[in-house]
């Protein structure tokens, strides 16, 4: 099984750089879309200049999940939602294979959702991003 076919979520596939997070939320090149209860803020990293490059050697989608405390007061609830979104992304990231894009998933609802619904929504978001990039 090739590395790109494995359903893992390595550090290279996560957004952890503060400068990349700032460019996602404050930069003018970011776009967003909503499929309730998720909002996806994404930015293509393929057109970066070398001094502001966030690229790795291999093009792969990068993601982060944000669940505001205002929606879920208890950390266990926030962690459950983050785990569900990460799993849905991990299982469907092959939709964006070969594309260098950073995606931030932001939870919008005050209620928990079933994993199947979250997976359908993440798949829909990834397909729409794939079409637009």
N, C-alpha and C. Protein backbone atom coordinates (compact mmCIF):
# COMPACT_ATOMS: atom_id res chain seq x y z
N UNK A 1 0.85 -1.18 0.00
CA UNK A 1 0.00 0.00 0.00
C UNK A 1 0.89 1.24 0.00
N UNK A 2 0.65 2.13 -0.91
CA UNK A 2 1.45 3.35 -1.02
C UNK A 2 1.13 4.29 0.14
N UNK A 3 2.07 5.17 0.41
CA UNK A 3 1.90 6.13 1.52
C UNK A 3 0.67 7.01 1.31
N UNK A 4 0.39 7.37 0.05
CA UNK A 4 -0.75 8.26 -0.20
C UNK A 4 -2.08 7.53 -0.08
N UNK A 5 -2.06 6.18 -0.10
CA UNK A 5 -3.29 5.42 0.01
C UNK A 5 -3.66 5.10 1.45
N UNK A 6 -2.74 5.35 2.38
CA UNK A 6 -3.02 5.03 3.77
C UNK A 6 -3.95 6.08 4.37
N UNK A 7 -4.81 5.63 5.25
CA UNK A 7 -5.76 6.53 5.89
C UNK A 7 -5.19 7.05 7.20
N UNK A 8 -4.08 7.77 7.11
CA UNK A 8 -3.45 8.34 8.29
C UNK A 8 -3.56 9.85 8.24
N UNK A 9 -3.24 10.48 9.34
CA UNK A 9 -3.23 11.94 9.39
C UNK A 9 -1.92 12.34 10.05
N UNK A 10 -0.90 12.51 9.24
CA UNK A 10 0.44 12.81 9.76
C UNK A 10 0.57 14.30 10.08
N UNK A 11 1.69 14.65 10.68
CA UNK A 11 1.92 16.05 11.04
C UNK A 11 2.00 16.93 9.80
N UNK A 12 2.52 16.39 8.69
CA UNK A 12 2.60 17.16 7.45
C UNK A 12 1.22 17.50 6.91
N UNK A 13 0.20 16.78 7.34
CA UNK A 13 -1.16 17.01 6.86
C UNK A 13 -1.98 17.87 7.83
N UNK A 14 -1.33 18.40 8.84
CA UNK A 14 -2.02 19.27 9.79
C UNK A 14 -1.48 20.69 9.67
N UNK A 15 -2.35 21.65 9.90
CA UNK A 15 -1.92 23.05 9.95
C UNK A 15 -1.52 23.32 11.40
N UNK A 16 -0.24 23.56 11.61
CA UNK A 16 0.24 23.84 12.96
C UNK A 16 1.07 25.11 13.03
N UNK A 17 1.42 25.67 11.88
CA UNK A 17 2.21 26.89 11.83
C UNK A 17 1.33 28.11 12.11
N UNK A 18 1.74 28.94 13.04
CA UNK A 18 0.96 30.13 13.36
C UNK A 18 0.87 31.08 12.18
N UNK A 19 1.93 31.15 11.39
CA UNK A 19 1.89 32.03 10.22
C UNK A 19 0.90 31.53 9.18
N UNK A 20 0.79 30.21 9.02
CA UNK A 20 -0.19 29.66 8.09
C UNK A 20 -1.61 29.86 8.61
N UNK A 21 -1.80 29.70 9.91
CA UNK A 21 -3.12 29.93 10.51
C UNK A 21 -3.53 31.39 10.33
N UNK A 22 -2.59 32.32 10.57
CA UNK A 22 -2.89 33.74 10.36
C UNK A 22 -3.22 34.02 8.91
N UNK A 23 -2.48 33.42 7.99
CA UNK A 23 -2.76 33.67 6.57
C UNK A 23 -4.11 33.09 6.16
N UNK A 24 -4.53 32.02 6.82
CA UNK A 24 -5.85 31.44 6.52
C UNK A 24 -6.97 32.38 6.94
N UNK A 25 -6.88 32.90 8.17
CA UNK A 25 -7.98 33.68 8.71
C UNK A 25 -7.87 35.18 8.47
N UNK A 26 -6.66 35.69 8.27
CA UNK A 26 -6.50 37.13 8.08
C UNK A 26 -6.09 37.49 6.66
N UNK A 27 -5.61 36.52 5.93
CA UNK A 27 -5.13 36.79 4.57
C UNK A 27 -6.28 37.03 3.61
N UNK A 28 -6.02 37.77 2.57
CA UNK A 28 -7.06 38.08 1.60
C UNK A 28 -7.26 37.02 0.55
N UNK A 29 -6.41 35.99 0.52
CA UNK A 29 -6.51 34.97 -0.50
C UNK A 29 -7.36 33.78 -0.07
N UNK A 30 -7.87 33.80 1.13
CA UNK A 30 -8.67 32.69 1.63
C UNK A 30 -10.11 32.79 1.16
N UNK A 31 -10.72 31.64 1.00
CA UNK A 31 -12.14 31.56 0.66
C UNK A 31 -12.81 30.66 1.68
N UNK A 32 -14.13 30.76 1.75
CA UNK A 32 -14.83 29.90 2.71
C UNK A 32 -16.14 29.41 2.11
N UNK A 33 -16.62 28.33 2.70
CA UNK A 33 -17.93 27.79 2.33
C UNK A 33 -18.51 27.12 3.57
N UNK A 34 -19.82 27.02 3.59
CA UNK A 34 -20.51 26.45 4.74
C UNK A 34 -21.39 25.31 4.30
N UNK A 35 -21.26 24.20 4.99
CA UNK A 35 -22.18 23.07 4.90
C UNK A 35 -22.50 22.76 6.35
N UNK A 36 -23.64 23.25 6.81
CA UNK A 36 -23.96 23.20 8.23
C UNK A 36 -23.86 21.78 8.75
N UNK A 37 -23.21 21.56 9.86
CA UNK A 37 -22.71 22.44 10.90
C UNK A 37 -21.24 22.82 10.77
N UNK A 38 -20.67 22.73 9.58
CA UNK A 38 -19.26 23.06 9.39
C UNK A 38 -19.08 24.25 8.47
N UNK A 39 -18.07 25.03 8.76
CA UNK A 39 -17.63 26.08 7.85
C UNK A 39 -16.18 25.77 7.52
N UNK A 40 -15.84 25.81 6.26
CA UNK A 40 -14.47 25.52 5.84
C UNK A 40 -13.85 26.79 5.28
N UNK A 41 -12.72 27.18 5.84
CA UNK A 41 -11.93 28.29 5.33
C UNK A 41 -10.72 27.65 4.68
N UNK A 42 -10.51 27.93 3.40
CA UNK A 42 -9.42 27.25 2.70
C UNK A 42 -8.61 28.24 1.87
N UNK A 43 -7.41 27.81 1.57
CA UNK A 43 -6.49 28.63 0.79
C UNK A 43 -5.56 27.72 0.02
N UNK A 44 -5.41 27.99 -1.25
CA UNK A 44 -4.48 27.23 -2.07
C UNK A 44 -3.06 27.68 -1.75
N UNK A 45 -2.17 26.72 -1.58
CA UNK A 45 -0.77 27.03 -1.27
C UNK A 45 0.12 26.86 -2.49
N UNK A 46 -0.47 26.62 -3.64
CA UNK A 46 0.32 26.35 -4.85
C UNK A 46 0.88 27.61 -5.48
N UNK A 47 0.28 28.76 -5.23
CA UNK A 47 0.74 29.99 -5.85
C UNK A 47 1.56 30.86 -4.90
N UNK A 48 2.21 30.24 -3.93
CA UNK A 48 2.99 30.98 -2.94
C UNK A 48 4.36 31.35 -3.51
N UNK A 49 4.87 32.48 -3.09
CA UNK A 49 6.24 32.86 -3.43
C UNK A 49 7.19 32.13 -2.49
N UNK A 50 8.45 31.94 -2.85
CA UNK A 50 9.36 31.16 -2.01
C UNK A 50 9.53 31.70 -0.59
N UNK A 51 9.50 33.01 -0.40
CA UNK A 51 9.71 33.54 0.95
C UNK A 51 8.49 33.38 1.84
N UNK A 52 7.31 33.19 1.27
CA UNK A 52 6.11 32.97 2.09
C UNK A 52 5.56 31.58 1.86
N UNK A 53 6.39 30.69 1.43
CA UNK A 53 5.93 29.35 1.07
C UNK A 53 5.67 28.51 2.31
N UNK A 54 4.54 27.82 2.28
CA UNK A 54 4.19 26.88 3.34
C UNK A 54 4.20 25.46 2.80
N UNK A 55 4.79 25.27 1.64
CA UNK A 55 4.74 23.99 0.97
C UNK A 55 5.71 23.00 1.60
N UNK A 56 5.37 21.73 1.44
CA UNK A 56 6.28 20.65 1.77
C UNK A 56 6.72 20.03 0.46
N UNK A 57 7.61 19.06 0.53
CA UNK A 57 8.13 18.45 -0.70
C UNK A 57 7.01 17.83 -1.53
N UNK A 58 6.07 17.18 -0.87
CA UNK A 58 4.97 16.53 -1.57
C UNK A 58 3.69 17.33 -1.34
N UNK A 59 2.96 17.60 -2.40
CA UNK A 59 1.72 18.36 -2.27
C UNK A 59 0.68 17.50 -1.57
N UNK A 60 0.13 18.02 -0.48
CA UNK A 60 -0.92 17.30 0.23
C UNK A 60 -1.81 18.32 0.93
N UNK A 61 -3.08 17.99 1.09
CA UNK A 61 -3.96 18.91 1.81
C UNK A 61 -3.61 18.95 3.29
N UNK A 62 -3.71 20.14 3.88
CA UNK A 62 -3.46 20.32 5.30
C UNK A 62 -4.76 20.78 5.96
N UNK A 63 -4.99 20.36 7.18
CA UNK A 63 -6.25 20.71 7.84
C UNK A 63 -6.04 21.06 9.30
N UNK A 64 -7.02 21.82 9.81
CA UNK A 64 -7.12 22.05 11.24
C UNK A 64 -8.60 22.13 11.58
N UNK A 65 -8.92 21.83 12.84
CA UNK A 65 -10.31 21.84 13.30
C UNK A 65 -10.41 22.79 14.48
N UNK A 66 -11.44 23.63 14.45
CA UNK A 66 -11.68 24.56 15.55
C UNK A 66 -13.12 24.39 16.02
N UNK A 67 -13.27 24.12 17.31
CA UNK A 67 -14.59 24.02 17.92
C UNK A 67 -14.63 25.05 19.05
N UNK A 68 -15.36 26.15 18.85
CA UNK A 68 -15.36 27.22 19.85
C UNK A 68 -15.95 26.80 21.20
N UNK A 69 -15.38 27.33 22.25
CA UNK A 69 -15.85 27.04 23.60
C UNK A 69 -17.26 27.58 23.81
N UNK A 70 -17.63 28.57 23.04
CA UNK A 70 -18.97 29.14 23.20
C UNK A 70 -20.05 28.13 22.80
N UNK A 71 -19.70 27.16 21.91
CA UNK A 71 -20.67 26.15 21.50
C UNK A 71 -20.69 24.95 22.44
N UNK A 72 -19.52 24.53 22.91
CA UNK A 72 -19.43 23.40 23.84
C UNK A 72 -18.53 23.80 25.00
N UNK A 73 -19.11 23.92 26.18
CA UNK A 73 -18.36 24.37 27.35
C UNK A 73 -17.36 23.32 27.83
N UNK A 74 -17.71 22.05 27.71
CA UNK A 74 -16.87 20.99 28.24
C UNK A 74 -15.87 20.52 27.18
N UNK A 75 -14.63 20.35 27.61
CA UNK A 75 -13.57 19.95 26.68
C UNK A 75 -13.86 18.59 26.06
N UNK A 76 -14.50 17.70 26.81
CA UNK A 76 -14.78 16.37 26.27
C UNK A 76 -15.72 16.47 25.06
N UNK A 77 -16.65 17.41 25.08
CA UNK A 77 -17.55 17.60 23.94
C UNK A 77 -16.82 18.20 22.74
N UNK A 78 -15.96 19.17 22.99
CA UNK A 78 -15.17 19.76 21.90
C UNK A 78 -14.25 18.72 21.28
N UNK A 79 -13.63 17.91 22.12
CA UNK A 79 -12.71 16.88 21.62
C UNK A 79 -13.44 15.83 20.79
N UNK A 80 -14.67 15.51 21.18
CA UNK A 80 -15.44 14.53 20.41
C UNK A 80 -15.71 15.05 19.00
N UNK A 81 -16.14 16.29 18.90
CA UNK A 81 -16.43 16.88 17.59
C UNK A 81 -15.16 16.96 16.75
N UNK A 82 -14.05 17.38 17.36
CA UNK A 82 -12.79 17.47 16.63
C UNK A 82 -12.36 16.09 16.13
N UNK A 83 -12.54 15.08 16.96
CA UNK A 83 -12.18 13.72 16.56
C UNK A 83 -13.04 13.25 15.38
N UNK A 84 -14.33 13.56 15.40
CA UNK A 84 -15.22 13.17 14.31
C UNK A 84 -14.82 13.86 13.00
N UNK A 85 -14.51 15.14 13.06
CA UNK A 85 -14.13 15.87 11.84
C UNK A 85 -12.79 15.38 11.32
N UNK A 86 -11.83 15.15 12.21
CA UNK A 86 -10.53 14.63 11.78
C UNK A 86 -10.67 13.27 11.12
N UNK A 87 -11.51 12.41 11.68
CA UNK A 87 -11.71 11.09 11.09
C UNK A 87 -12.36 11.19 9.72
N UNK A 88 -13.35 12.05 9.57
CA UNK A 88 -14.00 12.23 8.27
C UNK A 88 -13.01 12.75 7.24
N UNK A 89 -12.16 13.69 7.63
CA UNK A 89 -11.15 14.20 6.70
C UNK A 89 -10.15 13.10 6.34
N UNK A 90 -9.70 12.37 7.33
CA UNK A 90 -8.71 11.31 7.13
C UNK A 90 -9.22 10.26 6.14
N UNK A 91 -10.49 9.93 6.22
CA UNK A 91 -11.06 8.91 5.34
C UNK A 91 -11.34 9.41 3.93
N UNK A 92 -11.42 10.73 3.74
CA UNK A 92 -11.81 11.29 2.44
C UNK A 92 -10.78 12.24 1.85
N UNK A 93 -9.60 12.31 2.40
CA UNK A 93 -8.59 13.26 1.92
C UNK A 93 -8.10 12.94 0.52
N UNK A 94 -8.32 11.73 0.02
CA UNK A 94 -7.87 11.38 -1.32
C UNK A 94 -8.59 12.19 -2.39
N UNK A 95 -9.69 12.83 -2.06
CA UNK A 95 -10.39 13.70 -3.00
C UNK A 95 -9.47 14.85 -3.43
N UNK A 96 -8.64 15.32 -2.51
CA UNK A 96 -7.73 16.44 -2.79
C UNK A 96 -6.30 15.98 -3.04
N UNK A 97 -6.10 14.73 -3.40
CA UNK A 97 -4.75 14.20 -3.62
C UNK A 97 -4.02 15.03 -4.67
N UNK A 98 -2.78 15.38 -4.37
CA UNK A 98 -1.96 16.14 -5.31
C UNK A 98 -2.20 17.63 -5.28
N UNK A 99 -3.12 18.09 -4.45
CA UNK A 99 -3.39 19.52 -4.35
C UNK A 99 -2.79 20.03 -3.05
N UNK A 100 -2.17 21.18 -3.12
CA UNK A 100 -1.55 21.77 -1.95
C UNK A 100 -2.48 22.86 -1.43
N UNK A 101 -3.30 22.52 -0.45
CA UNK A 101 -4.31 23.43 0.05
C UNK A 101 -4.36 23.30 1.58
N UNK A 102 -4.62 24.41 2.25
CA UNK A 102 -4.81 24.42 3.70
C UNK A 102 -6.28 24.68 3.99
N UNK A 103 -6.86 23.86 4.86
CA UNK A 103 -8.29 23.95 5.17
C UNK A 103 -8.46 24.04 6.69
N UNK A 104 -9.29 24.97 7.13
CA UNK A 104 -9.66 25.06 8.54
C UNK A 104 -11.15 24.78 8.64
N UNK A 105 -11.51 23.75 9.40
CA UNK A 105 -12.91 23.43 9.64
C UNK A 105 -13.32 24.08 10.96
N UNK A 106 -14.39 24.88 10.91
CA UNK A 106 -14.89 25.56 12.10
C UNK A 106 -16.30 25.04 12.38
N UNK A 107 -16.54 24.59 13.60
CA UNK A 107 -17.84 24.04 13.98
C UNK A 107 -18.79 25.19 14.29
N UNK A 108 -20.02 25.13 13.76
CA UNK A 108 -20.97 26.23 13.90
C UNK A 108 -22.16 25.93 14.82
N UNK A 109 -22.41 24.69 15.11
CA UNK A 109 -23.62 24.30 15.83
C UNK A 109 -23.38 24.18 17.33
N UNK A 110 -24.46 24.26 18.09
CA UNK A 110 -24.41 24.04 19.54
C UNK A 110 -24.71 22.60 19.90
N UNK A 111 -25.00 21.78 18.92
CA UNK A 111 -25.40 20.40 19.17
C UNK A 111 -24.42 19.43 18.53
N UNK A 112 -24.34 18.24 19.10
CA UNK A 112 -23.53 17.17 18.51
C UNK A 112 -24.21 16.67 17.25
N UNK A 113 -23.43 16.08 16.36
CA UNK A 113 -23.98 15.49 15.14
C UNK A 113 -23.44 14.07 15.01
N UNK A 114 -24.15 13.26 14.26
CA UNK A 114 -23.71 11.89 14.03
C UNK A 114 -22.49 11.90 13.12
N UNK A 115 -21.66 10.90 13.28
CA UNK A 115 -20.45 10.80 12.47
C UNK A 115 -20.76 10.68 10.99
N UNK A 116 -21.84 10.00 10.64
CA UNK A 116 -22.21 9.83 9.22
C UNK A 116 -22.55 11.18 8.59
N UNK A 117 -23.26 12.03 9.32
CA UNK A 117 -23.59 13.37 8.81
C UNK A 117 -22.33 14.21 8.63
N UNK A 118 -21.45 14.16 9.61
CA UNK A 118 -20.21 14.92 9.52
C UNK A 118 -19.38 14.43 8.34
N UNK A 119 -19.32 13.13 8.14
CA UNK A 119 -18.54 12.60 7.02
C UNK A 119 -19.13 13.03 5.68
N UNK A 120 -20.45 13.01 5.56
CA UNK A 120 -21.09 13.49 4.32
C UNK A 120 -20.76 14.96 4.07
N UNK A 121 -20.82 15.77 5.12
CA UNK A 121 -20.54 17.20 4.98
C UNK A 121 -19.08 17.47 4.63
N UNK A 122 -18.16 16.76 5.27
CA UNK A 122 -16.74 16.94 4.96
C UNK A 122 -16.47 16.50 3.53
N UNK A 123 -17.06 15.39 3.10
CA UNK A 123 -16.89 14.93 1.71
C UNK A 123 -17.41 15.97 0.74
N UNK A 124 -18.57 16.54 1.04
CA UNK A 124 -19.14 17.58 0.18
C UNK A 124 -18.22 18.79 0.09
N UNK A 125 -17.69 19.21 1.22
CA UNK A 125 -16.78 20.36 1.25
C UNK A 125 -15.52 20.06 0.43
N UNK A 126 -14.94 18.88 0.62
CA UNK A 126 -13.72 18.54 -0.10
C UNK A 126 -13.96 18.47 -1.61
N UNK A 127 -15.11 17.95 -2.02
CA UNK A 127 -15.42 17.90 -3.45
C UNK A 127 -15.59 19.30 -4.02
N UNK A 128 -16.26 20.18 -3.29
CA UNK A 128 -16.45 21.55 -3.76
C UNK A 128 -15.12 22.30 -3.83
N UNK A 129 -14.25 22.08 -2.85
CA UNK A 129 -12.93 22.71 -2.89
C UNK A 129 -12.13 22.19 -4.07
N UNK A 130 -12.22 20.90 -4.32
CA UNK A 130 -11.50 20.29 -5.45
C UNK A 130 -11.94 20.88 -6.78
N UNK A 131 -13.23 21.17 -6.91
CA UNK A 131 -13.75 21.77 -8.14
C UNK A 131 -13.29 23.22 -8.31
N UNK A 132 -13.17 23.95 -7.19
CA UNK A 132 -12.85 25.37 -7.28
C UNK A 132 -11.37 25.66 -7.41
N UNK A 133 -10.53 24.71 -7.02
CA UNK A 133 -9.08 24.95 -7.09
C UNK A 133 -8.54 24.40 -8.40
